[in-house]
């Protein structure tokens, strides 16, 4: 991974912004990027000067999800190991001891939506376009969290259809 694939800056005192910086891949989250994110968050958790973390995406997407090209190149065994590791990394993000904000500009799919849902706050605009896409490949994720965020009926709709939700509907 290039160090540039996860940028960090401090736009205000006490604020750490971590930006997924793979715009050519719609900020797909490679395992290396996810590990770098985890390391940055571990350091931020120990830094008393950081009070909040913002997760953002560069370019025209928050994140298109996990890097499917990387996953396709893995053996079945390596793919399973990577997904188990990713679950642990996502859980550490969900339980991060400081507030997290997902700045969901434009499109969010797959793991991007997982990170947005696991953030304490999500911000976007009318053009934000977010979807839980696991049903498109026979999977299910966010079943443990989505009911509490959007209500049981909406959660089932999103989990079973993988339909896209635009910012105006998401705000409602």
N, C-alpha and C. Protein backbone atom coordinates (compact mmCIF):
# COMPACT_ATOMS: atom_id res chain seq x y z
N UNK A 1 0.85 -1.18 0.00
CA UNK A 1 0.00 0.00 0.00
C UNK A 1 0.88 1.23 0.00
N UNK A 2 0.51 2.16 -0.80
CA UNK A 2 1.16 3.46 -0.77
C UNK A 2 0.67 4.21 0.46
N UNK A 3 1.57 4.90 1.12
CA UNK A 3 1.20 5.69 2.29
C UNK A 3 0.11 6.69 1.94
N UNK A 4 0.04 7.06 0.68
CA UNK A 4 -0.96 8.04 0.25
C UNK A 4 -2.37 7.46 0.17
N UNK A 5 -2.54 6.16 0.33
CA UNK A 5 -3.87 5.56 0.22
C UNK A 5 -4.74 5.80 1.45
N UNK A 6 -4.14 6.26 2.54
CA UNK A 6 -4.87 6.70 3.71
C UNK A 6 -4.17 7.97 4.19
N UNK A 7 -4.82 9.09 3.93
CA UNK A 7 -4.24 10.38 4.33
C UNK A 7 -4.79 10.75 5.70
N UNK A 8 -3.98 11.48 6.46
CA UNK A 8 -4.48 12.01 7.72
C UNK A 8 -4.11 13.48 7.82
N UNK A 9 -5.02 14.24 8.41
CA UNK A 9 -4.75 15.64 8.68
C UNK A 9 -5.58 16.06 9.89
N UNK A 10 -5.29 17.25 10.38
CA UNK A 10 -6.01 17.79 11.54
C UNK A 10 -6.63 19.12 11.12
N UNK A 11 -7.88 19.09 10.63
CA UNK A 11 -8.52 20.31 10.14
C UNK A 11 -8.89 21.31 11.24
N UNK A 12 -8.89 20.86 12.49
CA UNK A 12 -9.19 21.72 13.63
C UNK A 12 -8.55 21.10 14.86
N UNK A 13 -8.30 21.88 15.90
CA UNK A 13 -7.72 21.31 17.11
C UNK A 13 -8.58 20.16 17.65
N UNK A 14 -7.93 19.05 17.96
CA UNK A 14 -8.62 17.90 18.51
C UNK A 14 -9.31 17.02 17.49
N UNK A 15 -9.23 17.37 16.20
CA UNK A 15 -9.92 16.63 15.15
C UNK A 15 -8.90 15.94 14.25
N UNK A 16 -9.01 14.63 14.13
CA UNK A 16 -8.20 13.86 13.20
C UNK A 16 -9.10 13.43 12.05
N UNK A 17 -8.72 13.77 10.83
CA UNK A 17 -9.47 13.32 9.65
C UNK A 17 -8.63 12.28 8.93
N UNK A 18 -9.22 11.10 8.74
CA UNK A 18 -8.59 10.03 7.98
C UNK A 18 -9.34 9.91 6.67
N UNK A 19 -8.62 10.06 5.56
CA UNK A 19 -9.26 10.07 4.25
C UNK A 19 -8.80 8.88 3.42
N UNK A 20 -9.76 8.04 3.05
CA UNK A 20 -9.48 6.96 2.12
C UNK A 20 -9.11 7.62 0.80
N UNK A 21 -7.93 7.33 0.29
CA UNK A 21 -7.42 8.06 -0.86
C UNK A 21 -7.06 7.13 -2.00
N UNK A 22 -8.10 6.48 -2.51
CA UNK A 22 -7.95 5.63 -3.69
C UNK A 22 -9.06 6.01 -4.67
N UNK A 23 -9.12 7.28 -5.08
CA UNK A 23 -10.25 7.73 -5.90
C UNK A 23 -10.38 6.97 -7.22
N UNK A 24 -9.29 6.50 -7.78
CA UNK A 24 -9.35 5.72 -9.02
C UNK A 24 -10.06 4.39 -8.84
N UNK A 25 -10.11 3.90 -7.59
CA UNK A 25 -10.81 2.65 -7.25
C UNK A 25 -12.05 2.96 -6.40
N UNK A 26 -12.54 4.19 -6.50
CA UNK A 26 -13.69 4.66 -5.71
C UNK A 26 -13.49 4.38 -4.22
N UNK A 27 -12.24 4.53 -3.79
CA UNK A 27 -11.84 4.35 -2.39
C UNK A 27 -12.16 2.95 -1.86
N UNK A 28 -12.00 1.96 -2.73
CA UNK A 28 -12.15 0.57 -2.30
C UNK A 28 -11.15 0.31 -1.18
N UNK A 29 -11.60 -0.44 -0.19
CA UNK A 29 -10.78 -0.66 1.00
C UNK A 29 -10.01 -1.97 0.84
N UNK A 30 -8.74 -1.84 0.54
CA UNK A 30 -7.86 -3.01 0.49
C UNK A 30 -7.56 -3.42 1.93
N UNK A 31 -7.05 -4.61 2.09
CA UNK A 31 -6.68 -5.06 3.42
C UNK A 31 -5.58 -4.17 4.00
N UNK A 32 -4.65 -3.74 3.16
CA UNK A 32 -3.58 -2.85 3.63
C UNK A 32 -4.14 -1.51 4.10
N UNK A 33 -5.12 -0.98 3.38
CA UNK A 33 -5.75 0.29 3.80
C UNK A 33 -6.48 0.08 5.12
N UNK A 34 -7.19 -1.02 5.25
CA UNK A 34 -7.93 -1.26 6.48
C UNK A 34 -6.96 -1.44 7.67
N UNK A 35 -5.84 -2.10 7.44
CA UNK A 35 -4.85 -2.25 8.52
C UNK A 35 -4.26 -0.89 8.88
N UNK A 36 -3.98 -0.06 7.88
CA UNK A 36 -3.45 1.29 8.15
C UNK A 36 -4.47 2.11 8.93
N UNK A 37 -5.73 1.99 8.58
CA UNK A 37 -6.79 2.67 9.30
C UNK A 37 -6.80 2.22 10.76
N UNK A 38 -6.69 0.93 10.98
CA UNK A 38 -6.68 0.38 12.33
C UNK A 38 -5.48 0.92 13.13
N UNK A 39 -4.32 0.97 12.50
CA UNK A 39 -3.13 1.50 13.19
C UNK A 39 -3.31 2.99 13.52
N UNK A 40 -3.86 3.74 12.59
CA UNK A 40 -4.10 5.17 12.85
C UNK A 40 -5.08 5.37 13.99
N UNK A 41 -6.11 4.54 14.02
CA UNK A 41 -7.10 4.64 15.09
C UNK A 41 -6.50 4.24 16.43
N UNK A 42 -5.65 3.22 16.44
CA UNK A 42 -5.00 2.81 17.69
C UNK A 42 -4.16 3.94 18.25
N UNK A 43 -3.43 4.62 17.38
CA UNK A 43 -2.61 5.76 17.82
C UNK A 43 -3.51 6.89 18.30
N UNK A 44 -4.60 7.15 17.61
CA UNK A 44 -5.52 8.23 17.99
C UNK A 44 -6.17 7.95 19.34
N UNK A 45 -6.45 6.68 19.61
CA UNK A 45 -7.08 6.31 20.88
C UNK A 45 -6.16 6.67 22.06
N UNK A 46 -4.86 6.59 21.84
CA UNK A 46 -3.89 6.88 22.90
C UNK A 46 -3.50 8.35 22.97
N UNK A 47 -3.88 9.13 22.00
CA UNK A 47 -3.49 10.54 21.91
C UNK A 47 -4.56 11.42 22.56
N UNK A 48 -4.25 11.98 23.73
CA UNK A 48 -5.21 12.82 24.45
C UNK A 48 -5.55 14.10 23.70
N UNK A 49 -4.74 14.47 22.73
CA UNK A 49 -5.00 15.66 21.94
C UNK A 49 -6.07 15.46 20.88
N UNK A 50 -6.39 14.21 20.58
CA UNK A 50 -7.42 13.91 19.58
C UNK A 50 -8.71 13.60 20.31
N UNK A 51 -9.75 14.35 19.98
CA UNK A 51 -11.04 14.19 20.64
C UNK A 51 -12.09 13.55 19.75
N UNK A 52 -11.89 13.60 18.43
CA UNK A 52 -12.84 13.05 17.48
C UNK A 52 -12.11 12.65 16.21
N UNK A 53 -12.62 11.60 15.54
CA UNK A 53 -12.04 11.15 14.28
C UNK A 53 -13.12 11.22 13.20
N UNK A 54 -12.76 11.83 12.08
CA UNK A 54 -13.62 11.88 10.91
C UNK A 54 -13.06 10.92 9.87
N UNK A 55 -13.92 10.09 9.31
CA UNK A 55 -13.52 9.20 8.22
C UNK A 55 -14.17 9.73 6.95
N UNK A 56 -13.36 9.97 5.94
CA UNK A 56 -13.84 10.56 4.69
C UNK A 56 -13.26 9.79 3.51
N UNK A 57 -13.75 10.10 2.33
CA UNK A 57 -13.24 9.51 1.10
C UNK A 57 -12.85 10.61 0.13
N UNK A 58 -11.78 10.39 -0.60
CA UNK A 58 -11.32 11.36 -1.59
C UNK A 58 -12.09 11.18 -2.89
N UNK A 59 -12.33 12.27 -3.59
CA UNK A 59 -12.96 12.19 -4.90
C UNK A 59 -14.46 11.99 -4.85
N UNK A 60 -14.97 11.21 -5.80
CA UNK A 60 -16.42 11.10 -6.01
C UNK A 60 -17.07 9.95 -5.25
N UNK A 61 -16.40 9.40 -4.24
CA UNK A 61 -17.00 8.32 -3.45
C UNK A 61 -16.47 8.37 -2.03
N UNK A 62 -17.33 8.01 -1.10
CA UNK A 62 -16.87 7.74 0.27
C UNK A 62 -16.06 6.45 0.22
N UNK A 63 -16.72 5.37 -0.18
CA UNK A 63 -16.04 4.10 -0.43
C UNK A 63 -16.97 3.16 -1.16
N UNK A 64 -16.42 2.45 -2.13
CA UNK A 64 -17.19 1.45 -2.87
C UNK A 64 -17.20 0.11 -2.15
N UNK A 65 -16.54 0.02 -1.01
CA UNK A 65 -16.53 -1.22 -0.23
C UNK A 65 -15.16 -1.87 -0.26
N UNK A 66 -15.13 -3.13 0.09
CA UNK A 66 -13.86 -3.85 0.06
C UNK A 66 -13.36 -3.95 -1.37
N UNK A 67 -12.06 -4.05 -1.53
CA UNK A 67 -11.44 -4.14 -2.85
C UNK A 67 -11.72 -5.52 -3.43
N UNK A 68 -12.69 -5.60 -4.34
CA UNK A 68 -13.11 -6.88 -4.89
C UNK A 68 -12.04 -7.51 -5.77
N UNK A 69 -11.22 -6.69 -6.43
CA UNK A 69 -10.12 -7.25 -7.23
C UNK A 69 -9.12 -7.96 -6.33
N UNK A 70 -8.84 -7.34 -5.18
CA UNK A 70 -7.93 -7.97 -4.23
C UNK A 70 -8.53 -9.29 -3.72
N UNK A 71 -9.81 -9.26 -3.38
CA UNK A 71 -10.47 -10.47 -2.87
C UNK A 71 -10.48 -11.59 -3.93
N UNK A 72 -10.73 -11.23 -5.18
CA UNK A 72 -10.79 -12.22 -6.26
C UNK A 72 -9.44 -12.90 -6.49
N UNK A 73 -8.37 -12.19 -6.19
CA UNK A 73 -7.03 -12.74 -6.40
C UNK A 73 -6.60 -13.67 -5.26
N UNK A 74 -7.35 -13.68 -4.16
CA UNK A 74 -6.99 -14.50 -3.00
C UNK A 74 -7.48 -15.94 -3.18
N UNK A 75 -6.75 -16.86 -2.57
CA UNK A 75 -7.26 -18.22 -2.48
C UNK A 75 -8.46 -18.20 -1.55
N UNK A 76 -9.24 -19.26 -1.59
CA UNK A 76 -10.42 -19.32 -0.70
C UNK A 76 -9.99 -19.22 0.76
N UNK A 77 -8.93 -19.90 1.12
CA UNK A 77 -8.43 -19.88 2.49
C UNK A 77 -7.97 -18.47 2.89
N UNK A 78 -7.24 -17.82 2.00
CA UNK A 78 -6.78 -16.46 2.30
C UNK A 78 -7.96 -15.48 2.38
N UNK A 79 -8.96 -15.69 1.54
CA UNK A 79 -10.15 -14.84 1.57
C UNK A 79 -10.90 -14.96 2.88
N UNK A 80 -11.04 -16.18 3.37
CA UNK A 80 -11.71 -16.40 4.66
C UNK A 80 -10.90 -15.74 5.78
N UNK A 81 -9.59 -15.93 5.77
CA UNK A 81 -8.74 -15.32 6.79
C UNK A 81 -8.83 -13.79 6.75
N UNK A 82 -8.86 -13.24 5.53
CA UNK A 82 -8.96 -11.79 5.39
C UNK A 82 -10.29 -11.28 5.92
N UNK A 83 -11.38 -11.99 5.64
CA UNK A 83 -12.68 -11.54 6.12
C UNK A 83 -12.77 -11.64 7.65
N UNK A 84 -12.19 -12.67 8.23
CA UNK A 84 -12.18 -12.77 9.69
C UNK A 84 -11.38 -11.62 10.30
N UNK A 85 -10.23 -11.32 9.71
CA UNK A 85 -9.43 -10.20 10.19
C UNK A 85 -10.21 -8.90 10.03
N UNK A 86 -10.86 -8.73 8.90
CA UNK A 86 -11.63 -7.51 8.65
C UNK A 86 -12.75 -7.34 9.65
N UNK A 87 -13.40 -8.43 10.03
CA UNK A 87 -14.45 -8.34 11.04
C UNK A 87 -13.88 -7.81 12.36
N UNK A 88 -12.70 -8.29 12.73
CA UNK A 88 -12.06 -7.81 13.96
C UNK A 88 -11.70 -6.33 13.84
N UNK A 89 -11.17 -5.91 12.70
CA UNK A 89 -10.81 -4.52 12.50
C UNK A 89 -12.05 -3.62 12.54
N UNK A 90 -13.14 -4.07 11.92
CA UNK A 90 -14.38 -3.30 11.93
C UNK A 90 -14.93 -3.20 13.35
N UNK A 91 -14.86 -4.28 14.10
CA UNK A 91 -15.34 -4.26 15.48
C UNK A 91 -14.53 -3.25 16.31
N UNK A 92 -13.23 -3.20 16.09
CA UNK A 92 -12.40 -2.20 16.82
C UNK A 92 -12.83 -0.79 16.44
N UNK A 93 -13.19 -0.57 15.18
CA UNK A 93 -13.69 0.75 14.78
C UNK A 93 -15.01 1.05 15.49
N UNK A 94 -15.91 0.08 15.50
CA UNK A 94 -17.23 0.26 16.12
C UNK A 94 -17.10 0.58 17.61
N UNK A 95 -16.13 -0.01 18.28
CA UNK A 95 -15.95 0.18 19.72
C UNK A 95 -14.87 1.22 20.04
N UNK A 96 -14.47 2.00 19.06
CA UNK A 96 -13.44 3.02 19.25
C UNK A 96 -13.85 3.94 20.41
N UNK A 97 -12.94 4.28 21.31
CA UNK A 97 -13.31 5.00 22.53
C UNK A 97 -13.59 6.50 22.37
N UNK A 98 -13.45 7.02 21.19
CA UNK A 98 -13.72 8.44 20.96
C UNK A 98 -14.77 8.56 19.86
N UNK A 99 -15.47 9.68 19.78
CA UNK A 99 -16.49 9.82 18.74
C UNK A 99 -15.91 9.71 17.34
N UNK A 100 -16.68 9.05 16.47
CA UNK A 100 -16.30 8.92 15.07
C UNK A 100 -17.42 9.50 14.20
N UNK A 101 -17.01 10.11 13.11
CA UNK A 101 -17.95 10.73 12.17
C UNK A 101 -17.61 10.21 10.78
N UNK A 102 -18.59 9.71 10.07
CA UNK A 102 -18.40 9.31 8.67
C UNK A 102 -18.90 10.47 7.80
N UNK A 103 -17.99 11.07 7.04
CA UNK A 103 -18.35 12.14 6.11
C UNK A 103 -18.65 11.48 4.77
N UNK A 104 -19.92 11.11 4.58
CA UNK A 104 -20.32 10.31 3.44
C UNK A 104 -20.73 11.22 2.29
N UNK A 105 -19.74 11.73 1.59
CA UNK A 105 -19.99 12.52 0.39
C UNK A 105 -20.13 11.54 -0.77
N UNK A 106 -21.11 11.73 -1.58
CA UNK A 106 -21.32 10.93 -2.79
C UNK A 106 -21.70 9.50 -2.46
N UNK A 107 -20.99 8.51 -3.01
CA UNK A 107 -21.43 7.11 -3.00
C UNK A 107 -20.76 6.32 -1.88
N UNK A 108 -21.56 5.46 -1.25
CA UNK A 108 -21.04 4.51 -0.26
C UNK A 108 -21.70 3.17 -0.51
N UNK A 109 -20.89 2.15 -0.62
CA UNK A 109 -21.36 0.79 -0.84
C UNK A 109 -20.57 -0.16 0.06
N UNK A 110 -21.13 -1.35 0.26
CA UNK A 110 -20.40 -2.42 0.93
C UNK A 110 -19.75 -2.00 2.22
N UNK A 111 -18.44 -2.24 2.33
CA UNK A 111 -17.71 -1.93 3.55
C UNK A 111 -17.71 -0.44 3.86
N UNK A 112 -17.84 0.40 2.84
CA UNK A 112 -17.97 1.83 3.11
C UNK A 112 -19.21 2.09 3.95
N UNK A 113 -20.30 1.42 3.61
CA UNK A 113 -21.54 1.55 4.36
C UNK A 113 -21.40 0.91 5.75
N UNK A 114 -20.63 -0.18 5.84
CA UNK A 114 -20.36 -0.76 7.16
C UNK A 114 -19.69 0.27 8.07
N UNK A 115 -18.65 0.92 7.55
CA UNK A 115 -17.95 1.92 8.35
C UNK A 115 -18.85 3.11 8.68
N UNK A 116 -19.67 3.53 7.73
CA UNK A 116 -20.60 4.64 8.02
C UNK A 116 -21.56 4.25 9.12
N UNK A 117 -22.14 3.05 9.03
CA UNK A 117 -23.10 2.60 10.04
C UNK A 117 -22.44 2.43 11.41
N UNK A 118 -21.19 2.01 11.43
CA UNK A 118 -20.48 1.79 12.69
C UNK A 118 -19.94 3.08 13.29
N UNK A 119 -20.03 4.18 12.56
CA UNK A 119 -19.60 5.48 13.09
C UNK A 119 -20.66 6.00 14.06
N UNK A 120 -20.23 6.84 14.97
CA UNK A 120 -21.17 7.44 15.91
C UNK A 120 -22.11 8.41 15.22
N UNK A 121 -21.60 9.09 14.21
CA UNK A 121 -22.39 10.05 13.44
C UNK A 121 -22.09 9.87 11.97
N UNK A 122 -23.10 10.14 11.13
CA UNK A 122 -22.94 10.11 9.69
C UNK A 122 -23.44 11.43 9.14
N UNK A 123 -22.65 12.05 8.29
CA UNK A 123 -23.07 13.30 7.65
C UNK A 123 -22.94 13.13 6.15
N UNK A 124 -23.84 13.77 5.43
CA UNK A 124 -23.83 13.71 3.98
C UNK A 124 -24.68 14.84 3.46
N UNK A 125 -25.06 14.74 2.24
CA UNK A 125 -25.89 15.76 1.62
C UNK A 125 -26.95 15.12 0.75
N UNK A 126 -27.71 15.93 0.02
CA UNK A 126 -28.78 15.40 -0.82
C UNK A 126 -28.28 14.41 -1.87
N UNK A 127 -27.03 14.55 -2.32
CA UNK A 127 -26.48 13.67 -3.35
C UNK A 127 -25.80 12.43 -2.78
N UNK A 128 -25.76 12.32 -1.46
CA UNK A 128 -25.21 11.10 -0.86
C UNK A 128 -26.04 9.92 -1.35
N UNK A 129 -25.37 8.82 -1.68
CA UNK A 129 -26.02 7.64 -2.24
C UNK A 129 -25.41 6.42 -1.53
N UNK A 130 -26.18 5.82 -0.63
CA UNK A 130 -25.64 4.78 0.24
C UNK A 130 -26.45 3.50 0.09
N UNK A 131 -25.77 2.37 0.15
CA UNK A 131 -26.47 1.08 0.04
C UNK A 131 -25.73 0.01 0.83
N UNK A 132 -26.51 -0.91 1.38
CA UNK A 132 -26.00 -2.14 2.00
C UNK A 132 -26.10 -3.20 0.90
N UNK A 133 -24.98 -3.63 0.37
CA UNK A 133 -24.99 -4.42 -0.86
C UNK A 133 -24.81 -5.92 -0.69
N UNK A 134 -24.72 -6.42 0.52
CA UNK A 134 -24.43 -7.84 0.73
C UNK A 134 -25.44 -8.77 0.07
N UNK A 135 -26.69 -8.37 0.02
CA UNK A 135 -27.72 -9.25 -0.58
C UNK A 135 -27.46 -9.52 -2.05
N UNK A 136 -26.75 -8.64 -2.73
CA UNK A 136 -26.48 -8.84 -4.16
C UNK A 136 -25.57 -10.04 -4.40
N UNK A 137 -24.82 -10.48 -3.39
CA UNK A 137 -23.98 -11.66 -3.54
C UNK A 137 -24.34 -12.74 -2.52
N UNK A 138 -25.57 -12.69 -2.01
CA UNK A 138 -26.06 -13.74 -1.13
C UNK A 138 -25.62 -13.61 0.32
N UNK A 139 -25.10 -12.46 0.69
CA UNK A 139 -24.64 -12.26 2.06
C UNK A 139 -25.60 -11.42 2.87
N UNK A 140 -25.24 -11.22 4.10
CA UNK A 140 -25.98 -10.34 4.99
C UNK A 140 -25.00 -9.72 5.96
N UNK A 141 -25.07 -8.40 6.09
CA UNK A 141 -24.26 -7.75 7.10
C UNK A 141 -25.06 -6.62 7.71
N UNK A 142 -24.58 -6.09 8.77
CA UNK A 142 -25.24 -5.03 9.54
C UNK A 142 -26.54 -5.48 10.19
N UNK A 143 -26.82 -6.78 10.20
CA UNK A 143 -28.05 -7.27 10.81
C UNK A 143 -28.08 -6.96 12.30
N UNK A 144 -26.94 -6.86 12.92
CA UNK A 144 -26.82 -6.62 14.35
C UNK A 144 -26.92 -5.13 14.72
N UNK A 145 -26.93 -4.25 13.73
CA UNK A 145 -26.85 -2.82 14.01
C UNK A 145 -27.93 -2.00 13.31
N UNK A 146 -28.31 -2.39 12.12
CA UNK A 146 -29.15 -1.54 11.28
C UNK A 146 -30.54 -1.28 11.87
N UNK A 147 -31.13 -2.27 12.54
CA UNK A 147 -32.45 -2.06 13.16
C UNK A 147 -32.44 -0.84 14.07
N UNK A 148 -31.41 -0.73 14.87
CA UNK A 148 -31.31 0.40 15.82
C UNK A 148 -31.09 1.73 15.14
N UNK A 149 -30.50 1.72 13.95
CA UNK A 149 -30.25 2.98 13.24
C UNK A 149 -31.46 3.47 12.46
N UNK A 150 -32.15 2.55 11.78
CA UNK A 150 -33.21 2.98 10.87
C UNK A 150 -34.57 2.36 11.17
N UNK A 151 -34.65 1.49 12.15
CA UNK A 151 -35.90 0.81 12.45
C UNK A 151 -35.98 -0.53 11.73
N UNK A 152 -36.73 -1.44 12.31
CA UNK A 152 -36.76 -2.83 11.82
C UNK A 152 -37.27 -2.94 10.38
N UNK A 153 -38.36 -2.26 10.06
CA UNK A 153 -38.92 -2.37 8.71
C UNK A 153 -37.97 -1.84 7.65
N UNK A 154 -37.40 -0.68 7.89
CA UNK A 154 -36.45 -0.11 6.93
C UNK A 154 -35.20 -0.97 6.82
N UNK A 155 -34.75 -1.51 7.96
CA UNK A 155 -33.56 -2.35 7.93
C UNK A 155 -33.79 -3.58 7.05
N UNK A 156 -34.93 -4.21 7.19
CA UNK A 156 -35.20 -5.40 6.39
C UNK A 156 -35.27 -5.04 4.90
N UNK A 157 -35.89 -3.93 4.61
CA UNK A 157 -35.95 -3.45 3.23
C UNK A 157 -34.54 -3.30 2.67
N UNK A 158 -33.68 -2.60 3.38
CA UNK A 158 -32.32 -2.34 2.89
C UNK A 158 -31.49 -3.60 2.82
N UNK A 159 -31.65 -4.49 3.81
CA UNK A 159 -30.86 -5.71 3.83
C UNK A 159 -31.28 -6.71 2.75
N UNK A 160 -32.56 -6.72 2.41
CA UNK A 160 -33.04 -7.70 1.43
C UNK A 160 -32.99 -7.20 0.00
N UNK A 161 -33.03 -5.90 -0.20
CA UNK A 161 -33.06 -5.38 -1.57
C UNK A 161 -31.74 -4.80 -2.05
N UNK A 162 -30.88 -4.40 -1.13
CA UNK A 162 -29.62 -3.71 -1.46
C UNK A 162 -29.87 -2.43 -2.25
N UNK A 163 -31.08 -1.89 -2.13
CA UNK A 163 -31.39 -0.68 -2.89
C UNK A 163 -30.61 0.51 -2.35
N UNK A 164 -30.42 1.45 -3.22
CA UNK A 164 -29.70 2.68 -2.92
C UNK A 164 -30.63 3.66 -2.20
N UNK A 165 -30.08 4.33 -1.21
CA UNK A 165 -30.81 5.36 -0.47
C UNK A 165 -30.09 6.69 -0.68
N UNK A 166 -30.81 7.66 -1.21
CA UNK A 166 -30.22 8.98 -1.41
C UNK A 166 -30.28 9.79 -0.12
N UNK A 167 -29.51 10.84 -0.07
CA UNK A 167 -29.37 11.64 1.14
C UNK A 167 -30.66 12.13 1.74
N UNK A 168 -31.60 12.57 0.91
CA UNK A 168 -32.86 13.10 1.42
C UNK A 168 -33.63 12.01 2.16
N UNK A 169 -33.70 10.80 1.59
CA UNK A 169 -34.38 9.70 2.26
C UNK A 169 -33.62 9.27 3.51
N UNK A 170 -32.32 9.21 3.43
CA UNK A 170 -31.51 8.81 4.58
C UNK A 170 -31.72 9.78 5.74
N UNK A 171 -31.83 11.05 5.44
CA UNK A 171 -32.05 12.06 6.47
C UNK A 171 -33.37 11.81 7.18
N UNK A 172 -34.41 11.45 6.41
CA UNK A 172 -35.72 11.16 7.01
C UNK A 172 -35.64 9.95 7.89
